[in-house]
C-alpha atoms as a PDB file:
ATOM      1  CA  UNK A   1     -32.718  16.905 -33.025  1.00  0.00           C
ATOM      2  CA  UNK A   2     -30.099  15.851 -30.559  1.00  0.00           C
ATOM      3  CA  UNK A   3     -28.589  12.550 -29.819  1.00  0.00           C
ATOM      4  CA  UNK A   4     -29.612  10.086 -26.403  1.00  0.00           C
ATOM      5  CA  UNK A   5     -25.995  11.550 -25.133  1.00  0.00           C
ATOM      6  CA  UNK A   6     -26.807  15.562 -25.337  1.00  0.00           C
ATOM      7  CA  UNK A   7     -30.037  15.468 -24.066  1.00  0.00           C
ATOM      8  CA  UNK A   8     -28.997  13.240 -21.020  1.00  0.00           C
ATOM      9  CA  UNK A   9     -25.076  15.861 -20.497  1.00  0.00           C
ATOM     10  CA  UNK A  10     -27.710  18.874 -21.314  1.00  0.00           C
ATOM     11  CA  UNK A  11     -30.309  17.380 -17.952  1.00  0.00           C
ATOM     12  CA  UNK A  12     -26.455  17.192 -16.093  1.00  0.00           C
ATOM     13  CA  UNK A  13     -25.666  20.376 -13.722  1.00  0.00           C
ATOM     14  CA  UNK A  14     -21.883  22.010 -14.959  1.00  0.00           C
ATOM     15  CA  UNK A  15     -20.871  20.268 -11.220  1.00  0.00           C
ATOM     16  CA  UNK A  16     -21.777  17.001 -12.336  1.00  0.00           C
ATOM     17  CA  UNK A  17     -19.410  16.999 -15.011  1.00  0.00           C
ATOM     18  CA  UNK A  18     -16.611  17.903 -13.409  1.00  0.00           C
ATOM     19  CA  UNK A  19     -17.411  15.410 -10.940  1.00  0.00           C
ATOM     20  CA  UNK A  20     -18.078  13.435 -14.492  1.00  0.00           C
ATOM     21  CA  UNK A  21     -14.293  14.973 -15.403  1.00  0.00           C
ATOM     22  CA  UNK A  22     -12.682  13.860 -11.753  1.00  0.00           C
ATOM     23  CA  UNK A  23     -13.345  10.165 -12.393  1.00  0.00           C
ATOM     24  CA  UNK A  24     -12.248   9.492 -16.120  1.00  0.00           C
ATOM     25  CA  UNK A  25      -9.445  10.750 -14.942  1.00  0.00           C
ATOM     26  CA  UNK A  26      -8.626   9.860 -11.631  1.00  0.00           C
ATOM     27  CA  UNK A  27      -7.627  14.147 -11.226  1.00  0.00           C
ATOM     28  CA  UNK A  28      -9.053  12.308  -7.701  1.00  0.00           C
ATOM     29  CA  UNK A  29      -7.670   9.533  -6.224  1.00  0.00           C
ATOM     30  CA  UNK A  30      -7.580   9.466  -2.913  1.00  0.00           C
ATOM     31  CA  UNK A  31     -10.687  10.922  -2.352  1.00  0.00           C
ATOM     32  CA  UNK A  32     -12.585   7.318  -3.386  1.00  0.00           C
ATOM     33  CA  UNK A  33     -16.153   9.505  -1.705  1.00  0.00           C
ATOM     34  CA  UNK A  34     -16.394  11.441  -5.067  1.00  0.00           C
ATOM     35  CA  UNK A  35     -17.138   8.659  -6.793  1.00  0.00           C
ATOM     36  CA  UNK A  36     -20.408   7.946  -4.367  1.00  0.00           C
ATOM     37  CA  UNK A  37     -21.059  11.772  -4.498  1.00  0.00           C
ATOM     38  CA  UNK A  38     -21.572  11.285  -8.118  1.00  0.00           C
ATOM     39  CA  UNK A  39     -24.082   8.570  -8.651  1.00  0.00           C
ATOM     40  CA  UNK A  40     -26.170   9.846  -5.838  1.00  0.00           C
ATOM     41  CA  UNK A  41     -25.727  13.417  -8.126  1.00  0.00           C
ATOM     42  CA  UNK A  42     -26.669  11.541 -10.932  1.00  0.00           C
ATOM     43  CA  UNK A  43     -28.775   9.249  -9.423  1.00  0.00           C
ATOM     44  CA  UNK A  44     -31.525  12.379  -7.969  1.00  0.00           C
ATOM     45  CA  UNK A  45     -31.755  13.641 -12.069  1.00  0.00           C
ATOM     46  CA  UNK A  46     -31.999   9.869 -13.663  1.00  0.00           C
ATOM     47  CA  UNK A  47     -35.188   9.616 -11.505  1.00  0.00           C
ATOM     48  CA  UNK A  48     -36.824  12.231 -12.823  1.00  0.00           C
ATOM     49  CA  UNK A  49     -36.102  12.185 -15.763  1.00  0.00           C
ATOM     50  CA  UNK A  50     -39.456  10.145 -17.654  1.00  0.00           C
ATOM     51  CA  UNK A  51     -39.200   8.017 -20.297  1.00  0.00           C
ATOM     52  CA  UNK A  52     -37.264   4.747 -20.275  1.00  0.00           C
ATOM     53  CA  UNK A  53     -35.412   4.889 -22.222  1.00  0.00           C
ATOM     54  CA  UNK A  54     -33.031   8.729 -21.343  1.00  0.00           C
ATOM     55  CA  UNK A  55     -32.992   6.051 -18.226  1.00  0.00           C
ATOM     56  CA  UNK A  56     -31.765   3.844 -19.041  1.00  0.00           C
ATOM     57  CA  UNK A  57     -28.869   5.945 -21.590  1.00  0.00           C
ATOM     58  CA  UNK A  58     -28.582   7.993 -18.234  1.00  0.00           C
ATOM     59  CA  UNK A  59     -27.608   4.559 -16.548  1.00  0.00           C
ATOM     60  CA  UNK A  60     -25.097   3.093 -18.784  1.00  0.00           C
ATOM     61  CA  UNK A  61     -23.374   6.605 -19.995  1.00  0.00           C
ATOM     62  CA  UNK A  62     -22.805   5.663 -15.328  1.00  0.00           C
ATOM     63  CA  UNK A  63     -21.391   2.978 -16.844  1.00  0.00           C
ATOM     64  CA  UNK A  64     -19.373   3.307 -19.424  1.00  0.00           C
ATOM     65  CA  UNK A  65     -17.066   6.580 -17.415  1.00  0.00           C
ATOM     66  CA  UNK A  66     -16.433   3.944 -15.325  1.00  0.00           C
ATOM     67  CA  UNK A  67     -15.326   0.457 -17.386  1.00  0.00           C
ATOM     68  CA  UNK A  68     -14.032   3.104 -18.789  1.00  0.00           C
ATOM     69  CA  UNK A  69     -11.716   4.209 -15.874  1.00  0.00           C
ATOM     70  CA  UNK A  70     -11.212   0.989 -14.765  1.00  0.00           C
ATOM     71  CA  UNK A  71      -9.149  -0.287 -18.194  1.00  0.00           C
ATOM     72  CA  UNK A  72      -7.353   2.888 -18.122  1.00  0.00           C
ATOM     73  CA  UNK A  73      -3.564   1.336 -17.146  1.00  0.00           C
ATOM     74  CA  UNK A  74      -2.638   5.621 -16.968  1.00  0.00           C
ATOM     75  CA  UNK A  75      -5.003   6.156 -13.688  1.00  0.00           C
ATOM     76  CA  UNK A  76      -3.562   4.855 -10.660  1.00  0.00           C
ATOM     77  CA  UNK A  77      -4.106   1.182  -9.060  1.00  0.00           C
ATOM     78  CA  UNK A  78      -6.283   2.155  -6.327  1.00  0.00           C
ATOM     79  CA  UNK A  79      -8.507   4.341  -8.910  1.00  0.00           C
ATOM     80  CA  UNK A  80      -9.179   2.181 -10.334  1.00  0.00           C
ATOM     81  CA  UNK A  81     -10.427  -0.493  -7.954  1.00  0.00           C
ATOM     82  CA  UNK A  82     -13.335   2.050  -6.509  1.00  0.00           C
ATOM     83  CA  UNK A  83     -14.241   2.737  -9.879  1.00  0.00           C
ATOM     84  CA  UNK A  84     -15.069  -1.231 -10.504  1.00  0.00           C
ATOM     85  CA  UNK A  85     -16.130  -1.768  -6.648  1.00  0.00           C
ATOM     86  CA  UNK A  86     -19.037   0.741  -7.687  1.00  0.00           C
ATOM     87  CA  UNK A  87     -19.053   0.106 -11.640  1.00  0.00           C
ATOM     88  CA  UNK A  88     -22.148  -2.608  -9.628  1.00  0.00           C
ATOM     89  CA  UNK A  89     -24.095   0.922  -8.921  1.00  0.00           C
ATOM     90  CA  UNK A  90     -25.460   1.533 -12.814  1.00  0.00           C
ATOM     91  CA  UNK A  91     -25.969  -1.962 -14.143  1.00  0.00           C
ATOM     92  CA  UNK A  92     -28.252  -2.407 -10.503  1.00  0.00           C
ATOM     93  CA  UNK A  93     -30.132   0.811 -11.386  1.00  0.00           C
ATOM     94  CA  UNK A  94     -29.840  -0.810 -15.439  1.00  0.00           C
ATOM     95  CA  UNK A  95     -31.838  -4.289 -13.166  1.00  0.00           C
ATOM     96  CA  UNK A  96     -34.536  -2.087 -11.438  1.00  0.00           C
ATOM     97  CA  UNK A  97     -36.091  -0.065 -14.605  1.00  0.00           C
ATOM     98  CA  UNK A  98     -35.849  -3.611 -17.404  1.00  0.00           C
ATOM     99  CA  UNK A  99     -38.693  -4.024 -18.648  1.00  0.00           C
ATOM    100  CA  UNK A 100     -38.473  -6.330 -20.337  1.00  0.00           C
ATOM    101  CA  UNK A 101     -36.802  -9.155 -22.656  1.00  0.00           C
ATOM    102  CA  UNK A 102     -34.672  -6.540 -24.503  1.00  0.00           C
ATOM    103  CA  UNK A 103     -33.047  -4.651 -21.822  1.00  0.00           C
ATOM    104  CA  UNK A 104     -32.069  -7.860 -20.285  1.00  0.00           C
ATOM    105  CA  UNK A 105     -29.868  -8.750 -22.120  1.00  0.00           C
ATOM    106  CA  UNK A 106     -28.409  -5.449 -22.841  1.00  0.00           C
ATOM    107  CA  UNK A 107     -27.797  -6.088 -18.872  1.00  0.00           C
ATOM    108  CA  UNK A 108     -26.492  -9.214 -20.740  1.00  0.00           C
ATOM    109  CA  UNK A 109     -24.313  -7.466 -22.790  1.00  0.00           C
ATOM    110  CA  UNK A 110     -22.957  -5.354 -19.947  1.00  0.00           C
ATOM    111  CA  UNK A 111     -21.766  -7.770 -17.542  1.00  0.00           C
ATOM    112  CA  UNK A 112     -20.090  -9.284 -20.275  1.00  0.00           C
ATOM    113  CA  UNK A 113     -18.428  -6.618 -21.064  1.00  0.00           C
ATOM    114  CA  UNK A 114     -17.169  -5.981 -17.587  1.00  0.00           C
ATOM    115  CA  UNK A 115     -16.284  -9.412 -17.233  1.00  0.00           C
ATOM    116  CA  UNK A 116     -14.237  -9.688 -20.515  1.00  0.00           C
ATOM    117  CA  UNK A 117     -12.018  -5.954 -19.696  1.00  0.00           C
ATOM    118  CA  UNK A 118     -11.738  -7.532 -16.244  1.00  0.00           C
ATOM    119  CA  UNK A 119      -9.862  -9.921 -17.519  1.00  0.00           C
ATOM    120  CA  UNK A 120      -7.633  -7.811 -19.965  1.00  0.00           C
ATOM    121  CA  UNK A 121      -6.423  -5.580 -17.464  1.00  0.00           C
ATOM    122  CA  UNK A 122      -6.414  -8.273 -15.469  1.00  0.00           C
ATOM    123  CA  UNK A 123      -2.682  -8.674 -15.123  1.00  0.00           C
ATOM    124  CA  UNK A 124      -2.413  -4.292 -13.767  1.00  0.00           C
ATOM    125  CA  UNK A 125      -5.322  -4.104 -11.148  1.00  0.00           C
END
């Protein structure tokens, strides 16, 4: 049986996985359009998924990737800023597909995690 990350990864085109890796590692820090391209491509895939649980997990995976890059002090500062500037997009997608108190609670948890993480690394941003 596959876990949700395995299922999400299987849905993604290899080129999207490559872009995801480049974003996380800050491989192209002078190409902020890479983040927009990645989000657009992943959102097209996400919209084709009928299962709401998988769509939520997909948005959380996007959020987590961007947050991991934001808090990675080894990445260039401007790249971390680009990731932070785009982290609202998966959160907005989560809000849009929110369907009750449980999903609203999870969204609040992610927002809290973002706030705490940003305070933790504020001196290096």
